[in-house]
Structure formats: C-alpha cells, structure tokens
Amino acid sequence: MLYTRRELGKLALATVPAAALAGRPLAAFAAKPDSKVAGVQIGLNVPYDFGNNMMSGDEVLDGCVKLGISAVELRSQPVEQFMGVPAALLAGPGRGAPTPEQAAARKTAAEELQKWRASAPVSKAKEFRKKYEDAGVLLQIVKYDNILNFSDQVLDYAFELANTLGARAISCELPVDQVEGAKRLGQFADKHKTMIGFHGHLTMTPAIWEKAFSYSKYNGANLDIGHFISGNKTSPVPFLKQYHDRITHVHVKDKTLDDKNVPFGKGDTPVKEVLQLIRDNKWNMQATIEFEYPVPAGSDRMTEIAKSIQFCRDALATAKT
C-alpha cells in the first residue's frame, strides 16, 4: 500500500503502536526527531520503506518526522524531482521483460536523464538539505540506481550532489557479474574522497566485497544483514567485525535462512547482536531499517515500520546478552 503525504500525517500517531510511544513524553513529538540511541543512528531507507520511490521530498520528510527518524539513506529521486527533473525520467526500468517499444522508451529516458544530470543545478540541493536539517533529519547516505552506466561527467555530478546534501557516503547496487565496475567507481571515490557503500543481494559474498575493496580505500560495503544470512547461510557478524571500517551503513531486516522476510525478532538474522556490536564498539555506521516483510492482516505499513524502529530502540537500550 502506498501513502500520500496527507495519509502519512493521519496515520503517524493513529497507527503507531503503544509500545513505540512508551517512555516518550508528548512534548517529544513537537520537537525535532531523534533516532540516535546509545550512540547508534537508526535510519530508514527512503522513500523505499514507504513503498513508493517516486514520493516527493516533502512526503518523505513528513513520514520520517512522524516516525521520529533523524537520519536517512535517501534515494536520488526525491531530491532530483526537487531540482526539476521530469518525473518520467526517474521512473526506472520496472519489472518483467519489456516489450521492444518499452525497451526503446526506457533507453531514451535513460539518455535524457544523463543529459539532464550533466547540467543539473546541483546548488539547488542546498535548499533541499536545509529543509531536512531544519526539521532534524540528516541525509547521511545518497542512493543511486544504475550507477555503473553513468558517464564520467554524471559520476562527478553524483558525488557532488551527495556532498552538497551533506552525505558522508553514496550507495549503489553492485551486481556480482559486474564487480570490475567497482574499479572505475573507486577512481571517482578517490577523486571526491567520499565512500561508496556497495550493496549486494543473495549472491553477494565476502570475496566479492573484498575484491571491490582492493580497488580503492573509499570502496566500502552497504552490509545487508538479512541478505547476508540468507545468501551465505552464515552470520554477518564475523564480516562486520573484520571490515567495520569499510562498512558505510548496515541494512537492518530480519530474514530466515530460506530467504523469507519476517518481522524483526522472528527470523534467523542476528539483528540485536549486530546493533549491540555497533553500539559497544562505537562504530560510525547508520543502522538503516529496510522494511520488506509482508504487512500482516489488520495492520498497515506505518504501524509495522514503527514496530521495527521500536525493536531497534529496545535492542540498543538493553544490555548485551
């Protein structure tokens, strides 16, 4: 289910479970959000978590504030819409095999988007950043789709935009059959002195990340702990311990070993252990909730996101077990 800005506002307090409100004075909801717990920054992957990557920046911000989230991994679509790109160019490839006509249209849109980005008004992103920071939400990571296809000029733009937004890293997918692309991206990361968090799904292995790391000291990992345990059939904790200085942020979700997304605490992913490890070692990485489990009957997306946030808060507020 997708939500408009008005619906997010109506749902925010009406649907957030009592457990998520416990211990928080009413005055807290009039103040800026604060999702840093015991030194660990809890964040959201937005607008992805809200179920619609084409949401406006205002809609995304409204949802974050209502959920008490003070930092995010932001996909590029909301800020680029704010900067004036035609929304049709950002729609993405969609699902399923395209018809020849759809494939041609997507190719044209991708080419037009590259042209727009090559001369985009990056300075306008300062207004976007100010709006978020004034509301108490930091833009710590900026996510780009299809970055391996960016021209050199557009790669410079991607890093410049992230830096203008105040991000300390960018993130992107790294298909396992295109790991050599990390060499070129690493050259731009070196140039801009900005980390890249490479994200992988079930087929991503420590060896693939290690190869990417070898190309640049700024090449890092966006460690998805759910994908890691389902794909590698082992805990992500040893990898986290070994490469914590290369991990830009952790995607927090709970999966079973057979790749089912489930509510936090119901699967095989060591969510609490990972959060407490980040806390106890004071590692500088966002714990970014990636909401993917099916919404149960009788509930809704906002309620379930709030439960996931509260699970993380509780894990960080309790002693290591």
C-alpha atoms as a PDB file:
ATOM      1  CA  MET A   1       0.000   0.000   0.000  1.00  0.00           C
ATOM      2  CA  LEU A   2       1.311   3.461  -0.920  1.00  0.00           C
ATOM      3  CA  TYR A   3       0.774   6.584   1.165  1.00  0.00           C
ATOM      4  CA  THR A   4       0.302  10.216   0.276  1.00  0.00           C
ATOM      5  CA  ARG A   5       1.635  12.978   2.496  1.00  0.00           C
ATOM      6  CA  ARG A   6      -1.824  13.574   3.975  1.00  0.00           C
ATOM      7  CA  GLU A   7      -2.268   9.868   4.728  1.00  0.00           C
ATOM      8  CA  LEU A   8       1.157   9.675   6.363  1.00  0.00           C
ATOM      9  CA  GLY A   9       0.234  12.538   8.640  1.00  0.00           C
ATOM     10  CA  LYS A  10      -3.079  10.961   9.634  1.00  0.00           C
ATOM     11  CA  LEU A  11      -1.529   7.565  10.233  1.00  0.00           C
ATOM     12  CA  ALA A  12       1.518   8.682  12.128  1.00  0.00           C
ATOM     13  CA  LEU A  13       0.041   8.895  15.613  1.00  0.00           C
ATOM     14  CA  ALA A  14      -3.140   6.955  14.957  1.00  0.00           C
ATOM     15  CA  THR A  15      -1.312   3.807  13.883  1.00  0.00           C
ATOM     16  CA  VAL A  16       1.969   3.888  15.783  1.00  0.00           C
ATOM     17  CA  PRO A  17       1.658   1.118  18.378  1.00  0.00           C
ATOM     18  CA  ALA A  18       1.620   1.920  22.073  1.00  0.00           C
ATOM     19  CA  ALA A  19       4.968   0.184  22.514  1.00  0.00           C
ATOM     20  CA  ALA A  20       6.549   2.673  20.143  1.00  0.00           C
ATOM     21  CA  LEU A  21       5.286   5.574  22.235  1.00  0.00           C
ATOM     22  CA  ALA A  22       6.189   4.181  25.625  1.00  0.00           C
ATOM     23  CA  GLY A  23       8.518   6.365  27.626  1.00  0.00           C
ATOM     24  CA  ARG A  24       8.337   9.260  25.169  1.00  0.00           C
ATOM     25  CA  PRO A  25       6.722  12.419  26.556  1.00  0.00           C
ATOM     26  CA  LEU A  26       4.086  14.122  24.436  1.00  0.00           C
ATOM     27  CA  ALA A  27       6.364  17.145  24.136  1.00  0.00           C
ATOM     28  CA  ALA A  28       8.822  14.978  22.196  1.00  0.00           C
ATOM     29  CA  PHE A  29       6.514  14.938  19.217  1.00  0.00           C
ATOM     30  CA  ALA A  30       6.626  18.714  18.948  1.00  0.00           C
ATOM     31  CA  ALA A  31      10.433  18.685  18.995  1.00  0.00           C
ATOM     32  CA  LYS A  32      12.821  17.512  16.309  1.00  0.00           C
ATOM     33  CA  PRO A  33      13.023  13.738  15.840  1.00  0.00           C
ATOM     34  CA  ASP A  34      15.834  11.829  17.489  1.00  0.00           C
ATOM     35  CA  SER A  35      16.519   8.235  16.498  1.00  0.00           C
ATOM     36  CA  LYS A  36      20.071   8.057  17.822  1.00  0.00           C
ATOM     37  CA  VAL A  37      20.055   5.509  20.629  1.00  0.00           C
ATOM     38  CA  ALA A  38      23.103   4.717  22.763  1.00  0.00           C
ATOM     39  CA  GLY A  39      25.278   6.341  20.106  1.00  0.00           C
ATOM     40  CA  VAL A  40      23.837   4.337  17.195  1.00  0.00           C
ATOM     41  CA  GLN A  41      21.950   6.198  14.487  1.00  0.00           C
ATOM     42  CA  ILE A  42      18.789   4.360  13.481  1.00  0.00           C
ATOM     43  CA  GLY A  43      17.720   5.350   9.979  1.00  0.00           C
ATOM     44  CA  LEU A  44      15.350   4.448   7.182  1.00  0.00           C
ATOM     45  CA  ASN A  45      15.896   3.651   3.510  1.00  0.00           C
ATOM     46  CA  VAL A  46      13.605   6.249   1.954  1.00  0.00           C
ATOM     47  CA  PRO A  47      11.367   6.540   0.046  1.00  0.00           C
ATOM     48  CA  TYR A  48      11.772   2.764  -0.412  1.00  0.00           C
ATOM     49  CA  ASP A  49      10.479   1.964   3.070  1.00  0.00           C
ATOM     50  CA  PHE A  50       7.297   3.918   2.360  1.00  0.00           C
ATOM     51  CA  GLY A  51       6.618   1.800  -0.711  1.00  0.00           C
ATOM     52  CA  ASN A  52       6.948   4.450  -3.413  1.00  0.00           C
ATOM     53  CA  ASN A  53      10.314   5.637  -4.728  1.00  0.00           C
ATOM     54  CA  MET A  54       8.617   8.495  -6.556  1.00  0.00           C
ATOM     55  CA  MET A  55       7.362  10.243  -3.414  1.00  0.00           C
ATOM     56  CA  SER A  56       8.266  13.902  -3.126  1.00  0.00           C
ATOM     57  CA  GLY A  57      10.875  15.123  -0.687  1.00  0.00           C
ATOM     58  CA  ASP A  58       8.161  16.738   1.435  1.00  0.00           C
ATOM     59  CA  GLU A  59       6.212  13.488   1.674  1.00  0.00           C
ATOM     60  CA  VAL A  60       9.328  11.579   2.674  1.00  0.00           C
ATOM     61  CA  LEU A  61      10.294  14.174   5.271  1.00  0.00           C
ATOM     62  CA  ASP A  62       6.796  14.177   6.756  1.00  0.00           C
ATOM     63  CA  GLY A  63       6.899  10.405   7.208  1.00  0.00           C
ATOM     64  CA  CYS A  64      10.346  10.477   8.815  1.00  0.00           C
ATOM     65  CA  VAL A  65       9.445  13.201  11.280  1.00  0.00           C
ATOM     66  CA  LYS A  66       6.219  11.490  12.287  1.00  0.00           C
ATOM     67  CA  LEU A  67       8.122   8.253  12.918  1.00  0.00           C
ATOM     68  CA  GLY A  68      10.819  10.047  14.934  1.00  0.00           C
ATOM     69  CA  ILE A  69      13.615   9.285  12.459  1.00  0.00           C
ATOM     70  CA  SER A  70      16.514  11.734  12.443  1.00  0.00           C
ATOM     71  CA  ALA A  71      18.743  10.352   9.663  1.00  0.00           C
ATOM     72  CA  VAL A  72      18.191   8.507   6.414  1.00  0.00           C
ATOM     73  CA  GLU A  73      19.608   6.810   3.375  1.00  0.00           C
ATOM     74  CA  LEU A  74      17.910   8.848   0.648  1.00  0.00           C
ATOM     75  CA  ARG A  75      17.420   7.632  -2.890  1.00  0.00           C
ATOM     76  CA  SER A  76      18.151  10.233  -5.536  1.00  0.00           C
ATOM     77  CA  GLN A  77      14.624  10.509  -6.939  1.00  0.00           C
ATOM     78  CA  PRO A  78      13.079  12.925  -4.375  1.00  0.00           C
ATOM     79  CA  VAL A  79      15.959  15.414  -4.473  1.00  0.00           C
ATOM     80  CA  GLU A  80      16.231  15.307  -8.253  1.00  0.00           C
ATOM     81  CA  GLN A  81      12.497  15.944  -8.558  1.00  0.00           C
ATOM     82  CA  PHE A  82      13.020  18.929  -6.256  1.00  0.00           C
ATOM     83  CA  MET A  83      15.807  20.105  -8.574  1.00  0.00           C
ATOM     84  CA  GLY A  84      13.447  19.986 -11.550  1.00  0.00           C
ATOM     85  CA  VAL A  85      13.995  16.745 -13.426  1.00  0.00           C
ATOM     86  CA  PRO A  86      10.890  15.484 -15.291  1.00  0.00           C
ATOM     87  CA  ALA A  87       9.463  12.676 -13.139  1.00  0.00           C
ATOM     88  CA  ALA A  88       9.037  10.428 -16.189  1.00  0.00           C
ATOM     89  CA  LEU A  89      12.822  10.184 -16.497  1.00  0.00           C
ATOM     90  CA  LEU A  90      13.137   8.770 -12.971  1.00  0.00           C
ATOM     91  CA  ALA A  91      10.510   6.049 -13.138  1.00  0.00           C
ATOM     92  CA  GLY A  92      13.093   3.280 -13.518  1.00  0.00           C
ATOM     93  CA  PRO A  93      13.063   0.061 -15.523  1.00  0.00           C
ATOM     94  CA  GLY A  94      10.013  -1.575 -13.932  1.00  0.00           C
ATOM     95  CA  ARG A  95       9.505  -5.307 -13.514  1.00  0.00           C
ATOM     96  CA  GLY A  96       9.392  -8.084 -16.045  1.00  0.00           C
ATOM     97  CA  ALA A  97      10.735  -8.323 -19.575  1.00  0.00           C
ATOM     98  CA  PRO A  98       9.900  -5.170 -21.559  1.00  0.00           C
ATOM     99  CA  THR A  99       8.341  -5.121 -24.984  1.00  0.00           C
ATOM    100  CA  PRO A 100      10.548  -3.720 -27.772  1.00  0.00           C
ATOM    101  CA  GLU A 101       8.636  -0.451 -27.512  1.00  0.00           C
ATOM    102  CA  GLN A 102       9.116  -0.287 -23.715  1.00  0.00           C
ATOM    103  CA  ALA A 103      12.811  -1.098 -24.056  1.00  0.00           C
ATOM    104  CA  ALA A 104      13.240   1.716 -26.583  1.00  0.00           C
ATOM    105  CA  ALA A 105      11.361   4.156 -24.364  1.00  0.00           C
ATOM    106  CA  ARG A 106      13.495   3.234 -21.340  1.00  0.00           C
ATOM    107  CA  LYS A 107      16.687   3.671 -23.334  1.00  0.00           C
ATOM    108  CA  THR A 108      15.557   7.113 -24.466  1.00  0.00           C
ATOM    109  CA  ALA A 109      14.580   8.092 -20.900  1.00  0.00           C
ATOM    110  CA  ALA A 110      17.968   6.942 -19.579  1.00  0.00           C
ATOM    111  CA  GLU A 111      19.767   9.003 -22.205  1.00  0.00           C
ATOM    112  CA  GLU A 112      17.669  12.079 -21.437  1.00  0.00           C
ATOM    113  CA  LEU A 113      18.300  11.643 -17.710  1.00  0.00           C
ATOM    114  CA  GLN A 114      22.061  11.541 -18.331  1.00  0.00           C
ATOM    115  CA  LYS A 115      21.778  14.781 -20.304  1.00  0.00           C
ATOM    116  CA  TRP A 116      19.768  16.448 -17.544  1.00  0.00           C
ATOM    117  CA  ARG A 117      22.202  15.359 -14.840  1.00  0.00           C
ATOM    118  CA  ALA A 118      25.171  16.649 -16.841  1.00  0.00           C
ATOM    119  CA  SER A 119      23.884  20.213 -16.445  1.00  0.00           C
ATOM    120  CA  ALA A 120      21.712  19.859 -13.338  1.00  0.00           C
ATOM    121  CA  PRO A 121      21.500  22.766 -10.850  1.00  0.00           C
ATOM    122  CA  VAL A 122      23.334  20.994  -8.005  1.00  0.00           C
ATOM    123  CA  SER A 123      23.349  24.158  -5.879  1.00  0.00           C
ATOM    124  CA  LYS A 124      19.567  23.881  -5.586  1.00  0.00           C
ATOM    125  CA  ALA A 125      20.116  20.789  -3.447  1.00  0.00           C
ATOM    126  CA  LYS A 126      21.260  23.142  -0.674  1.00  0.00           C
ATOM    127  CA  GLU A 127      17.618  24.190  -0.238  1.00  0.00           C
ATOM    128  CA  PHE A 128      16.563  20.551  -0.022  1.00  0.00           C
ATOM    129  CA  ARG A 129      19.246  19.844   2.587  1.00  0.00           C
ATOM    130  CA  LYS A 130      18.275  22.880   4.656  1.00  0.00           C
ATOM    131  CA  LYS A 131      14.629  21.843   4.727  1.00  0.00           C
ATOM    132  CA  TYR A 132      15.591  18.410   6.065  1.00  0.00           C
ATOM    133  CA  GLU A 133      18.152  19.651   8.560  1.00  0.00           C
ATOM    134  CA  ASP A 134      15.789  22.344   9.842  1.00  0.00           C
ATOM    135  CA  ALA A 135      13.312  19.535  10.533  1.00  0.00           C
ATOM    136  CA  GLY A 136      16.002  17.491  12.289  1.00  0.00           C
ATOM    137  CA  VAL A 137      16.687  14.866   9.607  1.00  0.00           C
ATOM    138  CA  LEU A 138      20.226  14.244   8.317  1.00  0.00           C
ATOM    139  CA  LEU A 139      20.857  12.980   4.783  1.00  0.00           C
ATOM    140  CA  GLN A 140      23.751  10.667   5.612  1.00  0.00           C
ATOM    141  CA  ILE A 141      23.761   8.398   2.544  1.00  0.00           C
ATOM    142  CA  VAL A 142      22.538   9.036  -1.018  1.00  0.00           C
ATOM    143  CA  LYS A 143      21.492   6.013  -3.112  1.00  0.00           C
ATOM    144  CA  TYR A 144      21.780   5.924  -6.914  1.00  0.00           C
ATOM    145  CA  ASP A 145      20.240   3.417  -9.305  1.00  0.00           C
ATOM    146  CA  ASN A 146      22.164   2.083 -12.324  1.00  0.00           C
ATOM    147  CA  ILE A 147      25.326   3.959 -11.362  1.00  0.00           C
ATOM    148  CA  LEU A 148      27.566   1.621 -13.369  1.00  0.00           C
ATOM    149  CA  ASN A 149      26.026   3.119 -16.504  1.00  0.00           C
ATOM    150  CA  PHE A 150      26.810   6.733 -15.550  1.00  0.00           C
ATOM    151  CA  SER A 151      29.155   8.708 -17.800  1.00  0.00           C
ATOM    152  CA  ASP A 152      32.249  10.252 -16.204  1.00  0.00           C
ATOM    153  CA  GLN A 153      30.526  13.626 -16.119  1.00  0.00           C
ATOM    154  CA  VAL A 154      27.459  12.188 -14.423  1.00  0.00           C
ATOM    155  CA  LEU A 155      29.574  10.319 -11.882  1.00  0.00           C
ATOM    156  CA  ASP A 156      31.156  13.638 -10.897  1.00  0.00           C
ATOM    157  CA  TYR A 157      27.630  15.036 -10.581  1.00  0.00           C
ATOM    158  CA  ALA A 158      26.559  12.101  -8.360  1.00  0.00           C
ATOM    159  CA  PHE A 159      29.369  12.709  -5.885  1.00  0.00           C
ATOM    160  CA  GLU A 160      28.914  16.488  -5.968  1.00  0.00           C
ATOM    161  CA  LEU A 161      25.198  16.131  -5.281  1.00  0.00           C
ATOM    162  CA  ALA A 162      25.824  13.786  -2.356  1.00  0.00           C
ATOM    163  CA  ASN A 163      28.394  16.170  -0.883  1.00  0.00           C
ATOM    164  CA  THR A 164      26.038  19.136  -1.320  1.00  0.00           C
ATOM    165  CA  LEU A 165      23.373  17.211   0.588  1.00  0.00           C
ATOM    166  CA  GLY A 166      25.809  16.616   3.441  1.00  0.00           C
ATOM    167  CA  ALA A 167      26.102  12.867   2.865  1.00  0.00           C
ATOM    168  CA  ARG A 168      29.165  11.030   4.095  1.00  0.00           C
ATOM    169  CA  ALA A 169      28.699   8.220   1.558  1.00  0.00           C
ATOM    170  CA  ILE A 170      26.842   7.187  -1.539  1.00  0.00           C
ATOM    171  CA  SER A 171      25.362   3.737  -2.037  1.00  0.00           C
ATOM    172  CA  CYS A 172      24.597   1.638  -5.089  1.00  0.00           C
ATOM    173  CA  GLU A 173      23.968  -1.894  -6.284  1.00  0.00           C
ATOM    174  CA  LEU A 174      26.966  -3.967  -7.383  1.00  0.00           C
ATOM    175  CA  PRO A 175      25.839  -6.940  -9.476  1.00  0.00           C
ATOM    176  CA  VAL A 176      28.191  -9.831  -8.844  1.00  0.00           C
ATOM    177  CA  ASP A 177      28.892 -10.211 -12.562  1.00  0.00           C
ATOM    178  CA  GLN A 178      29.944  -6.555 -12.794  1.00  0.00           C
ATOM    179  CA  VAL A 179      32.328  -6.324  -9.864  1.00  0.00           C
ATOM    180  CA  GLU A 180      35.025  -4.885 -12.158  1.00  0.00           C
ATOM    181  CA  GLY A 181      32.842  -1.773 -12.334  1.00  0.00           C
ATOM    182  CA  ALA A 182      33.945  -1.062  -8.772  1.00  0.00           C
ATOM    183  CA  LYS A 183      37.409  -0.223 -10.112  1.00  0.00           C
ATOM    184  CA  ARG A 184      36.115   2.733 -12.140  1.00  0.00           C
ATOM    185  CA  LEU A 185      33.786   3.889  -9.382  1.00  0.00           C
ATOM    186  CA  GLY A 186      36.651   3.688  -6.922  1.00  0.00           C
ATOM    187  CA  GLN A 187      38.618   6.175  -9.013  1.00  0.00           C
ATOM    188  CA  PHE A 188      35.807   8.699  -8.631  1.00  0.00           C
ATOM    189  CA  ALA A 189      35.503   7.921  -4.925  1.00  0.00           C
ATOM    190  CA  ASP A 190      39.228   8.675  -4.602  1.00  0.00           C
ATOM    191  CA  LYS A 191      38.790  11.917  -6.522  1.00  0.00           C
ATOM    192  CA  HIS A 192      35.925  13.111  -4.326  1.00  0.00           C
ATOM    193  CA  LYS A 193      37.220  11.477  -1.113  1.00  0.00           C
ATOM    194  CA  THR A 194      33.768  10.034  -0.469  1.00  0.00           C
ATOM    195  CA  MET A 195      32.915   6.446   0.471  1.00  0.00           C
ATOM    196  CA  ILE A 196      30.787   4.180  -1.710  1.00  0.00           C
ATOM    197  CA  GLY A 197      28.712   1.526   0.023  1.00  0.00           C
ATOM    198  CA  PHE A 198      28.254  -1.340  -2.428  1.00  0.00           C
ATOM    199  CA  HIS A 199      25.034  -3.237  -1.842  1.00  0.00           C
ATOM    200  CA  GLY A 200      24.528  -6.855  -2.805  1.00  0.00           C
ATOM    201  CA  HIS A 201      21.695  -9.328  -2.578  1.00  0.00           C
ATOM    202  CA  LEU A 202      21.701 -13.085  -2.028  1.00  0.00           C
ATOM    203  CA  THR A 203      24.595 -13.750  -4.395  1.00  0.00           C
ATOM    204  CA  MET A 204      26.927 -11.244  -2.736  1.00  0.00           C
ATOM    205  CA  THR A 205      29.819 -12.852  -0.888  1.00  0.00           C
ATOM    206  CA  PRO A 206      32.652 -11.538   1.286  1.00  0.00           C
ATOM    207  CA  ALA A 207      35.102 -12.349  -1.536  1.00  0.00           C
ATOM    208  CA  ILE A 208      33.255 -10.053  -3.953  1.00  0.00           C
ATOM    209  CA  TRP A 209      33.299  -7.181  -1.468  1.00  0.00           C
ATOM    210  CA  GLU A 210      36.988  -7.823  -0.792  1.00  0.00           C
ATOM    211  CA  LYS A 211      37.723  -7.507  -4.495  1.00  0.00           C
ATOM    212  CA  ALA A 212      35.837  -4.198  -4.607  1.00  0.00           C
ATOM    213  CA  PHE A 213      37.749  -3.017  -1.533  1.00  0.00           C
ATOM    214  CA  SER A 214      41.052  -3.737  -3.280  1.00  0.00           C
ATOM    215  CA  TYR A 215      40.383  -1.077  -5.925  1.00  0.00           C
ATOM    216  CA  SER A 216      40.088   1.920  -3.588  1.00  0.00           C
ATOM    217  CA  LYS A 217      40.278   2.764   0.083  1.00  0.00           C
ATOM    218  CA  TYR A 218      36.956   4.566  -0.415  1.00  0.00           C
ATOM    219  CA  ASN A 219      35.193   1.457  -1.720  1.00  0.00           C
ATOM    220  CA  GLY A 220      33.064   0.055   1.060  1.00  0.00           C
ATOM    221  CA  ALA A 221      30.069  -2.124   1.815  1.00  0.00           C
ATOM    222  CA  ASN A 222      26.428  -1.462   2.491  1.00  0.00           C
ATOM    223  CA  LEU A 223      26.049  -4.633   4.536  1.00  0.00           C
ATOM    224  CA  ASP A 224      22.525  -6.036   4.334  1.00  0.00           C
ATOM    225  CA  ILE A 225      22.478  -8.437   7.264  1.00  0.00           C
ATOM    226  CA  GLY A 226      19.307 -10.179   6.083  1.00  0.00           C
ATOM    227  CA  HIS A 227      20.568 -10.853   2.578  1.00  0.00           C
ATOM    228  CA  PHE A 228      23.908 -11.932   4.015  1.00  0.00           C
ATOM    229  CA  ILE A 229      22.498 -14.658   6.238  1.00  0.00           C
ATOM    230  CA  SER A 230      20.070 -15.940   3.597  1.00  0.00           C
ATOM    231  CA  GLY A 231      22.634 -15.898   0.800  1.00  0.00           C
ATOM    232  CA  ASN A 232      25.730 -17.067   2.660  1.00  0.00           C
ATOM    233  CA  LYS A 233      23.957 -19.289   5.213  1.00  0.00           C
ATOM    234  CA  THR A 234      26.070 -17.850   7.990  1.00  0.00           C
ATOM    235  CA  SER A 235      26.098 -14.896  10.360  1.00  0.00           C
ATOM    236  CA  PRO A 236      27.237 -11.489   9.067  1.00  0.00           C
ATOM    237  CA  VAL A 237      28.912 -10.764  12.416  1.00  0.00           C
ATOM    238  CA  PRO A 238      32.438 -12.019  11.500  1.00  0.00           C
ATOM    239  CA  PHE A 239      32.391  -9.927   8.299  1.00  0.00           C
ATOM    240  CA  LEU A 240      31.162  -6.905  10.253  1.00  0.00           C
ATOM    241  CA  LYS A 241      33.935  -7.298  12.799  1.00  0.00           C
ATOM    242  CA  GLN A 242      36.643  -7.713  10.172  1.00  0.00           C
ATOM    243  CA  TYR A 243      35.572  -4.885   7.868  1.00  0.00           C
ATOM    244  CA  HIS A 244      33.735  -2.442  10.134  1.00  0.00           C
ATOM    245  CA  ASP A 245      35.946   0.390   8.894  1.00  0.00           C
ATOM    246  CA  ARG A 246      34.772  -0.269   5.305  1.00  0.00           C
ATOM    247  CA  ILE A 247      31.057  -0.519   6.088  1.00  0.00           C
ATOM    248  CA  THR A 248      29.186   2.683   5.296  1.00  0.00           C
ATOM    249  CA  HIS A 249      25.880   1.518   6.761  1.00  0.00           C
ATOM    250  CA  VAL A 250      24.009  -1.640   7.654  1.00  0.00           C
ATOM    251  CA  HIS A 251      20.636  -2.557   6.177  1.00  0.00           C
ATOM    252  CA  VAL A 252      18.626  -3.916   9.076  1.00  0.00           C
ATOM    253  CA  LYS A 253      15.977  -6.507   8.303  1.00  0.00           C
ATOM    254  CA  ASP A 254      15.133  -9.966   9.586  1.00  0.00           C
ATOM    255  CA  LYS A 255      15.199 -12.922   7.218  1.00  0.00           C
ATOM    256  CA  THR A 256      15.115 -16.663   7.669  1.00  0.00           C
ATOM    257  CA  LEU A 257      17.830 -18.895   6.292  1.00  0.00           C
ATOM    258  CA  ASP A 258      15.462 -19.862   3.472  1.00  0.00           C
ATOM    259  CA  ASP A 259      15.040 -16.204   2.447  1.00  0.00           C
ATOM    260  CA  LYS A 260      11.698 -15.230   3.971  1.00  0.00           C
ATOM    261  CA  ASN A 261      11.257 -11.658   5.206  1.00  0.00           C
ATOM    262  CA  VAL A 262       9.709 -11.676   8.676  1.00  0.00           C
ATOM    263  CA  PRO A 263       9.017  -9.151  11.474  1.00  0.00           C
ATOM    264  CA  PHE A 264      12.082  -8.218  13.497  1.00  0.00           C
ATOM    265  CA  GLY A 265      12.941 -10.888  16.057  1.00  0.00           C
ATOM    266  CA  LYS A 266      11.124 -13.682  14.199  1.00  0.00           C
ATOM    267  CA  GLY A 267      13.855 -14.810  11.799  1.00  0.00           C
ATOM    268  CA  ASP A 268      17.407 -16.113  11.792  1.00  0.00           C
ATOM    269  CA  THR A 269      19.190 -12.756  11.350  1.00  0.00           C
ATOM    270  CA  PRO A 270      21.149 -11.631  14.448  1.00  0.00           C
ATOM    271  CA  VAL A 271      19.571  -8.158  14.466  1.00  0.00           C
ATOM    272  CA  LYS A 272      20.075  -7.487  18.183  1.00  0.00           C
ATOM    273  CA  GLU A 273      23.643  -8.793  18.155  1.00  0.00           C
ATOM    274  CA  VAL A 274      24.587  -6.581  15.206  1.00  0.00           C
ATOM    275  CA  LEU A 275      23.021  -3.458  16.718  1.00  0.00           C
ATOM    276  CA  GLN A 276      24.707  -4.044  20.062  1.00  0.00           C
ATOM    277  CA  LEU A 277      28.029  -4.735  18.358  1.00  0.00           C
ATOM    278  CA  ILE A 278      27.848  -1.366  16.587  1.00  0.00           C
ATOM    279  CA  ARG A 279      26.900   0.282  19.880  1.00  0.00           C
ATOM    280  CA  ASP A 280      29.554  -1.358  22.034  1.00  0.00           C
ATOM    281  CA  ASN A 281      32.353  -0.641  19.551  1.00  0.00           C
ATOM    282  CA  LYS A 282      31.147   2.894  18.787  1.00  0.00           C
ATOM    283  CA  TRP A 283      31.370   2.254  15.046  1.00  0.00           C
ATOM    284  CA  ASN A 284      30.223   5.122  12.863  1.00  0.00           C
ATOM    285  CA  MET A 285      27.613   3.449  10.673  1.00  0.00           C
ATOM    286  CA  GLN A 286      23.921   4.056  10.259  1.00  0.00           C
ATOM    287  CA  ALA A 287      21.613   1.161  11.183  1.00  0.00           C
ATOM    288  CA  THR A 288      19.251   1.630   8.249  1.00  0.00           C
ATOM    289  CA  ILE A 289      15.940  -0.187   8.528  1.00  0.00           C
ATOM    290  CA  GLU A 290      14.891  -1.678   5.200  1.00  0.00           C
ATOM    291  CA  PHE A 291      11.239  -2.571   5.542  1.00  0.00           C
ATOM    292  CA  GLU A 292      10.389  -5.636   3.448  1.00  0.00           C
ATOM    293  CA  TYR A 293       8.276  -8.134   5.380  1.00  0.00           C
ATOM    294  CA  PRO A 294       4.610  -8.531   4.374  1.00  0.00           C
ATOM    295  CA  VAL A 295       2.217  -6.270   6.261  1.00  0.00           C
ATOM    296  CA  PRO A 296       0.037  -8.528   8.453  1.00  0.00           C
ATOM    297  CA  ALA A 297      -3.732  -8.524   8.059  1.00  0.00           C
ATOM    298  CA  GLY A 298      -5.301  -5.783  10.152  1.00  0.00           C
ATOM    299  CA  SER A 299      -2.128  -3.689  10.203  1.00  0.00           C
ATOM    300  CA  ASP A 300      -0.538  -1.206   7.806  1.00  0.00           C
ATOM    301  CA  ARG A 301       2.896  -0.167   6.629  1.00  0.00           C
ATOM    302  CA  MET A 302       3.362   2.762   9.018  1.00  0.00           C
ATOM    303  CA  THR A 303       2.483   0.662  12.052  1.00  0.00           C
ATOM    304  CA  GLU A 304       4.928  -2.063  11.054  1.00  0.00           C
ATOM    305  CA  ILE A 305       7.743   0.404  10.375  1.00  0.00           C
ATOM    306  CA  ALA A 306       7.129   1.899  13.820  1.00  0.00           C
ATOM    307  CA  LYS A 307       7.356  -1.583  15.368  1.00  0.00           C
ATOM    308  CA  SER A 308      10.648  -2.183  13.561  1.00  0.00           C
ATOM    309  CA  ILE A 309      12.046   1.107  14.855  1.00  0.00           C
ATOM    310  CA  GLN A 310      10.979   0.252  18.383  1.00  0.00           C
ATOM    311  CA  PHE A 311      12.613  -3.175  18.146  1.00  0.00           C
ATOM    312  CA  CYS A 312      15.908  -1.466  17.291  1.00  0.00           C
ATOM    313  CA  ARG A 313      15.469   1.089  20.069  1.00  0.00           C
ATOM    314  CA  ASP A 314      14.849  -1.674  22.606  1.00  0.00           C
ATOM    315  CA  ALA A 315      17.829  -3.712  21.404  1.00  0.00           C
ATOM    316  CA  LEU A 316      20.146  -0.722  21.784  1.00  0.00           C
ATOM    317  CA  ALA A 317      18.744   0.272  25.166  1.00  0.00           C
ATOM    318  CA  THR A 318      19.290  -3.136  26.748  1.00  0.00           C
ATOM    319  CA  ALA A 319      22.486  -4.755  27.969  1.00  0.00           C
ATOM    320  CA  LYS A 320      24.317  -7.187  25.742  1.00  0.00           C
ATOM    321  CA  THR A 321      23.051 -10.719  26.240  1.00  0.00           C
END
